[in-house]
């Protein structure tokens, strides 16, 4: 179930009205805390809406049907010898030998 931003704003307005009407400081703080939670919910909902819209935009991008249409530059493969390199300051054959 999706919570709309308008519903959250309506609840925030109701909590603000209740906070203004009450004289009790503790009750005012409770209403303000409820507003804080509603603000966090609204910001989270807004972030989720943005990520969902960016996902749908990314899914709408056209992709080539086959890999032959995408060309990549060919790079020469380095010649790899089967012998390990020997260096003067190396302690052994392991990568962990320092």
N, C-alpha and C. Protein backbone atom coordinates (compact mmCIF):
# COMPACT_ATOMS: atom_id res chain seq x y z
N UNK A 1 0.84 -1.16 0.00
CA UNK A 1 0.00 0.00 0.00
C UNK A 1 0.90 1.24 0.00
N UNK A 2 0.64 2.13 -0.91
CA UNK A 2 1.46 3.32 -1.07
C UNK A 2 0.83 4.50 -0.33
N UNK A 3 1.66 5.24 0.37
CA UNK A 3 1.21 6.42 1.08
C UNK A 3 1.55 7.62 0.21
N UNK A 4 0.53 8.43 -0.11
CA UNK A 4 0.77 9.59 -0.95
C UNK A 4 1.31 10.74 -0.11
N UNK A 5 2.04 11.59 -0.78
CA UNK A 5 2.62 12.75 -0.11
C UNK A 5 1.52 13.68 0.41
N UNK A 6 0.42 13.78 -0.32
CA UNK A 6 -0.68 14.64 0.13
C UNK A 6 -1.26 14.16 1.46
N UNK A 7 -1.40 12.85 1.62
CA UNK A 7 -1.91 12.30 2.88
C UNK A 7 -0.98 12.63 4.04
N UNK A 8 0.33 12.51 3.79
CA UNK A 8 1.31 12.80 4.84
C UNK A 8 1.23 14.28 5.21
N UNK A 9 1.12 15.14 4.21
CA UNK A 9 1.02 16.58 4.48
C UNK A 9 -0.25 16.92 5.25
N UNK A 10 -1.34 16.25 4.94
CA UNK A 10 -2.58 16.48 5.69
C UNK A 10 -2.42 16.09 7.16
N UNK A 11 -1.76 14.95 7.39
CA UNK A 11 -1.53 14.51 8.78
C UNK A 11 -0.61 15.48 9.51
N UNK A 12 0.39 16.00 8.80
CA UNK A 12 1.30 16.96 9.41
C UNK A 12 0.54 18.24 9.80
N UNK A 13 -0.35 18.68 8.94
CA UNK A 13 -1.15 19.87 9.23
C UNK A 13 -2.05 19.63 10.45
N UNK A 14 -2.64 18.44 10.54
CA UNK A 14 -3.49 18.11 11.68
C UNK A 14 -2.67 18.10 12.97
N UNK A 15 -1.46 17.52 12.93
CA UNK A 15 -0.60 17.50 14.13
C UNK A 15 -0.18 18.90 14.52
N UNK A 16 0.10 19.74 13.53
CA UNK A 16 0.46 21.13 13.81
C UNK A 16 -0.69 21.87 14.48
N UNK A 17 -1.89 21.67 13.99
CA UNK A 17 -3.07 22.30 14.59
C UNK A 17 -3.26 21.85 16.02
N UNK A 18 -3.08 20.55 16.27
CA UNK A 18 -3.22 20.03 17.64
C UNK A 18 -2.15 20.61 18.56
N UNK A 19 -0.92 20.74 18.02
CA UNK A 19 0.16 21.30 18.83
C UNK A 19 -0.11 22.75 19.18
N UNK A 20 -0.70 23.50 18.27
CA UNK A 20 -1.03 24.90 18.53
C UNK A 20 -2.17 25.04 19.54
N UNK A 21 -3.11 24.12 19.51
CA UNK A 21 -4.29 24.21 20.37
C UNK A 21 -4.01 23.85 21.82
N UNK A 22 -3.09 22.96 22.07
CA UNK A 22 -2.86 22.49 23.43
C UNK A 22 -1.96 23.46 24.20
N UNK A 23 -2.18 23.52 25.50
CA UNK A 23 -1.37 24.37 26.38
C UNK A 23 -0.28 23.56 27.07
N UNK A 24 -0.46 22.25 27.11
CA UNK A 24 0.48 21.37 27.79
C UNK A 24 1.76 21.23 26.95
N UNK A 25 2.89 21.54 27.57
CA UNK A 25 4.18 21.50 26.86
C UNK A 25 4.51 20.07 26.42
N UNK A 26 4.22 19.10 27.29
CA UNK A 26 4.51 17.70 26.95
C UNK A 26 3.69 17.26 25.72
N UNK A 27 2.43 17.66 25.68
CA UNK A 27 1.58 17.31 24.53
C UNK A 27 2.08 17.99 23.26
N UNK A 28 2.53 19.25 23.37
CA UNK A 28 3.10 19.96 22.21
C UNK A 28 4.30 19.18 21.67
N UNK A 29 5.16 18.72 22.59
CA UNK A 29 6.34 17.96 22.18
C UNK A 29 5.95 16.66 21.48
N UNK A 30 4.90 16.01 21.98
CA UNK A 30 4.44 14.77 21.35
C UNK A 30 3.95 15.02 19.92
N UNK A 31 3.21 16.11 19.74
CA UNK A 31 2.73 16.44 18.40
C UNK A 31 3.89 16.82 17.47
N UNK A 32 4.87 17.52 18.01
CA UNK A 32 6.04 17.87 17.21
C UNK A 32 6.84 16.63 16.83
N UNK A 33 6.93 15.67 17.75
CA UNK A 33 7.63 14.42 17.45
C UNK A 33 6.89 13.65 16.35
N UNK A 34 5.56 13.68 16.40
CA UNK A 34 4.77 13.04 15.35
C UNK A 34 5.01 13.72 14.01
N UNK A 35 5.12 15.06 14.04
CA UNK A 35 5.41 15.79 12.80
C UNK A 35 6.80 15.43 12.26
N UNK A 36 7.75 15.25 13.15
CA UNK A 36 9.09 14.87 12.74
C UNK A 36 9.07 13.51 12.04
N UNK A 37 8.34 12.58 12.61
CA UNK A 37 8.22 11.25 11.99
C UNK A 37 7.54 11.34 10.63
N UNK A 38 6.52 12.18 10.54
CA UNK A 38 5.84 12.35 9.26
C UNK A 38 6.75 13.00 8.23
N UNK A 39 7.60 13.93 8.66
CA UNK A 39 8.58 14.54 7.74
C UNK A 39 9.54 13.48 7.21
N UNK A 40 10.02 12.63 8.10
CA UNK A 40 10.93 11.56 7.68
C UNK A 40 10.24 10.62 6.70
N UNK A 41 8.99 10.31 6.97
CA UNK A 41 8.22 9.46 6.07
C UNK A 41 8.05 10.11 4.70
N UNK A 42 7.76 11.40 4.69
CA UNK A 42 7.57 12.12 3.43
C UNK A 42 8.87 12.15 2.64
N UNK A 43 9.97 12.39 3.31
CA UNK A 43 11.26 12.42 2.62
C UNK A 43 11.64 11.04 2.09
N UNK A 44 11.34 9.99 2.86
CA UNK A 44 11.62 8.63 2.42
C UNK A 44 10.76 8.27 1.22
N UNK A 45 9.50 8.64 1.26
CA UNK A 45 8.57 8.37 0.16
C UNK A 45 9.03 9.09 -1.09
N UNK A 46 9.48 10.34 -0.94
CA UNK A 46 9.96 11.12 -2.07
C UNK A 46 11.20 10.48 -2.68
N UNK A 47 12.11 9.99 -1.85
CA UNK A 47 13.32 9.33 -2.33
C UNK A 47 12.97 8.05 -3.06
N UNK A 48 12.03 7.27 -2.54
CA UNK A 48 11.63 6.04 -3.20
C UNK A 48 10.96 6.33 -4.53
N UNK A 49 10.15 7.40 -4.60
CA UNK A 49 9.51 7.77 -5.86
C UNK A 49 10.55 8.15 -6.90
N UNK A 50 11.58 8.89 -6.49
CA UNK A 50 12.64 9.29 -7.42
C UNK A 50 13.42 8.07 -7.92
N UNK A 51 13.75 7.15 -7.01
CA UNK A 51 14.50 5.97 -7.43
C UNK A 51 13.66 5.09 -8.34
N UNK A 52 12.35 5.01 -8.09
CA UNK A 52 11.48 4.22 -8.96
C UNK A 52 11.38 4.86 -10.33
N UNK A 53 11.31 6.20 -10.39
CA UNK A 53 11.23 6.85 -11.69
C UNK A 53 12.54 6.75 -12.45
N UNK A 54 13.67 6.79 -11.74
CA UNK A 54 14.94 6.65 -12.44
C UNK A 54 15.12 5.22 -12.93
N UNK A 55 14.61 4.24 -12.16
CA UNK A 55 14.66 2.85 -12.63
C UNK A 55 13.82 2.67 -13.88
N UNK A 56 12.62 3.27 -13.90
CA UNK A 56 11.76 3.12 -15.07
C UNK A 56 12.36 3.82 -16.27
N UNK A 57 13.06 4.94 -16.06
CA UNK A 57 13.73 5.61 -17.16
C UNK A 57 14.88 4.77 -17.68
N UNK A 58 15.61 4.13 -16.79
CA UNK A 58 16.73 3.29 -17.20
C UNK A 58 16.23 2.06 -17.96
N UNK A 59 15.09 1.53 -17.55
CA UNK A 59 14.53 0.37 -18.24
C UNK A 59 14.00 0.75 -19.61
N UNK A 60 13.65 2.02 -19.81
CA UNK A 60 13.11 2.46 -21.09
C UNK A 60 14.20 2.71 -22.13
N UNK A 61 15.47 2.73 -21.70
CA UNK A 61 16.55 2.94 -22.66
C UNK A 61 16.63 1.78 -23.64
N UNK A 62 16.82 2.08 -24.91
CA UNK A 62 16.91 0.99 -25.89
C UNK A 62 18.25 0.27 -25.78
N UNK A 63 18.20 -1.02 -25.83
CA UNK A 63 19.39 -1.85 -25.83
C UNK A 63 19.46 -2.59 -27.15
N UNK A 64 20.66 -2.82 -27.67
CA UNK A 64 20.75 -3.57 -28.92
C UNK A 64 20.26 -5.00 -28.73
N UNK A 65 19.60 -5.52 -29.75
CA UNK A 65 19.06 -6.88 -29.67
C UNK A 65 20.15 -7.94 -29.75
N UNK A 66 21.22 -7.62 -30.41
CA UNK A 66 22.30 -8.60 -30.48
C UNK A 66 23.61 -7.91 -30.13
N UNK A 67 24.60 -8.70 -29.79
CA UNK A 67 25.87 -8.13 -29.37
C UNK A 67 26.74 -7.75 -30.56
N UNK A 68 26.36 -8.16 -31.76
CA UNK A 68 27.15 -7.82 -32.94
C UNK A 68 27.05 -6.33 -33.26
N UNK A 69 25.95 -5.70 -32.89
CA UNK A 69 25.80 -4.28 -33.20
C UNK A 69 26.68 -3.41 -32.30
N UNK A 70 27.05 -3.91 -31.13
CA UNK A 70 27.93 -3.17 -30.26
C UNK A 70 29.37 -3.54 -30.60
N UNK A 71 30.16 -2.55 -30.96
CA UNK A 71 31.55 -2.82 -31.30
C UNK A 71 32.44 -2.28 -30.21
N UNK A 72 33.44 -3.03 -29.89
CA UNK A 72 34.40 -2.64 -28.88
C UNK A 72 35.78 -2.64 -29.53
N UNK A 73 36.63 -1.70 -29.18
CA UNK A 73 37.97 -1.69 -29.77
C UNK A 73 38.75 -2.91 -29.31
N UNK A 74 39.45 -3.51 -30.23
CA UNK A 74 40.24 -4.69 -29.89
C UNK A 74 41.58 -4.23 -29.37
N UNK A 75 41.98 -4.81 -28.25
CA UNK A 75 43.26 -4.47 -27.65
C UNK A 75 44.13 -5.72 -27.69
N UNK A 76 45.41 -5.54 -27.94
CA UNK A 76 46.28 -6.72 -27.96
C UNK A 76 46.39 -7.32 -26.56
N UNK A 77 46.44 -8.62 -26.51
CA UNK A 77 46.58 -9.35 -25.25
C UNK A 77 48.06 -9.45 -24.93
N UNK A 78 48.41 -9.09 -23.72
CA UNK A 78 49.82 -9.14 -23.31
C UNK A 78 50.29 -10.58 -23.27
N UNK A 79 51.53 -10.79 -23.66
CA UNK A 79 52.12 -12.13 -23.64
C UNK A 79 52.43 -12.49 -22.20
N UNK A 80 51.80 -13.52 -21.71
CA UNK A 80 51.98 -13.96 -20.33
C UNK A 80 52.84 -15.21 -20.35
N UNK A 81 53.95 -15.13 -19.67
CA UNK A 81 54.82 -16.31 -19.63
C UNK A 81 54.41 -17.21 -18.48
N UNK A 82 54.71 -18.48 -18.61
CA UNK A 82 54.34 -19.43 -17.56
C UNK A 82 55.34 -19.43 -16.42
N UNK A 83 56.48 -18.82 -16.59
CA UNK A 83 57.48 -18.77 -15.52
C UNK A 83 57.20 -17.58 -14.60
N UNK A 84 57.32 -17.77 -13.30
CA UNK A 84 57.15 -16.63 -12.40
C UNK A 84 58.31 -15.66 -12.54
N UNK A 85 58.01 -14.40 -12.31
CA UNK A 85 59.06 -13.38 -12.38
C UNK A 85 59.97 -13.50 -11.17
N UNK A 86 61.24 -13.28 -11.37
CA UNK A 86 62.21 -13.29 -10.27
C UNK A 86 62.70 -11.87 -10.07
N UNK A 87 62.56 -11.40 -8.85
CA UNK A 87 63.05 -10.07 -8.53
C UNK A 87 64.02 -10.18 -7.37
N UNK A 88 64.96 -9.23 -7.32
CA UNK A 88 66.00 -9.27 -6.30
C UNK A 88 65.46 -9.10 -4.89
N UNK A 89 64.42 -8.25 -4.74
CA UNK A 89 63.94 -7.98 -3.39
C UNK A 89 62.76 -8.86 -2.98
N UNK A 90 62.38 -9.85 -3.77
CA UNK A 90 61.27 -10.74 -3.43
C UNK A 90 61.76 -11.82 -2.48
N UNK A 91 60.88 -12.24 -1.54
CA UNK A 91 61.25 -13.25 -0.56
C UNK A 91 60.82 -14.65 -0.94
N UNK A 92 59.86 -14.79 -1.82
CA UNK A 92 59.39 -16.13 -2.16
C UNK A 92 58.40 -16.08 -3.31
N UNK A 93 57.78 -17.24 -3.59
CA UNK A 93 56.85 -17.35 -4.70
C UNK A 93 55.44 -16.86 -4.36
N UNK A 94 55.12 -16.77 -3.09
CA UNK A 94 53.77 -16.39 -2.67
C UNK A 94 53.55 -14.89 -2.78
N UNK A 95 52.32 -14.50 -3.06
CA UNK A 95 51.98 -13.08 -3.09
C UNK A 95 52.06 -12.47 -1.71
N UNK A 96 51.93 -13.31 -0.68
CA UNK A 96 51.93 -12.81 0.68
C UNK A 96 53.33 -12.72 1.28
N UNK A 97 54.31 -13.18 0.57
CA UNK A 97 55.70 -13.05 1.05
C UNK A 97 56.21 -11.66 0.73
N UNK A 98 56.62 -10.95 1.78
CA UNK A 98 57.11 -9.57 1.58
C UNK A 98 58.57 -9.49 1.85
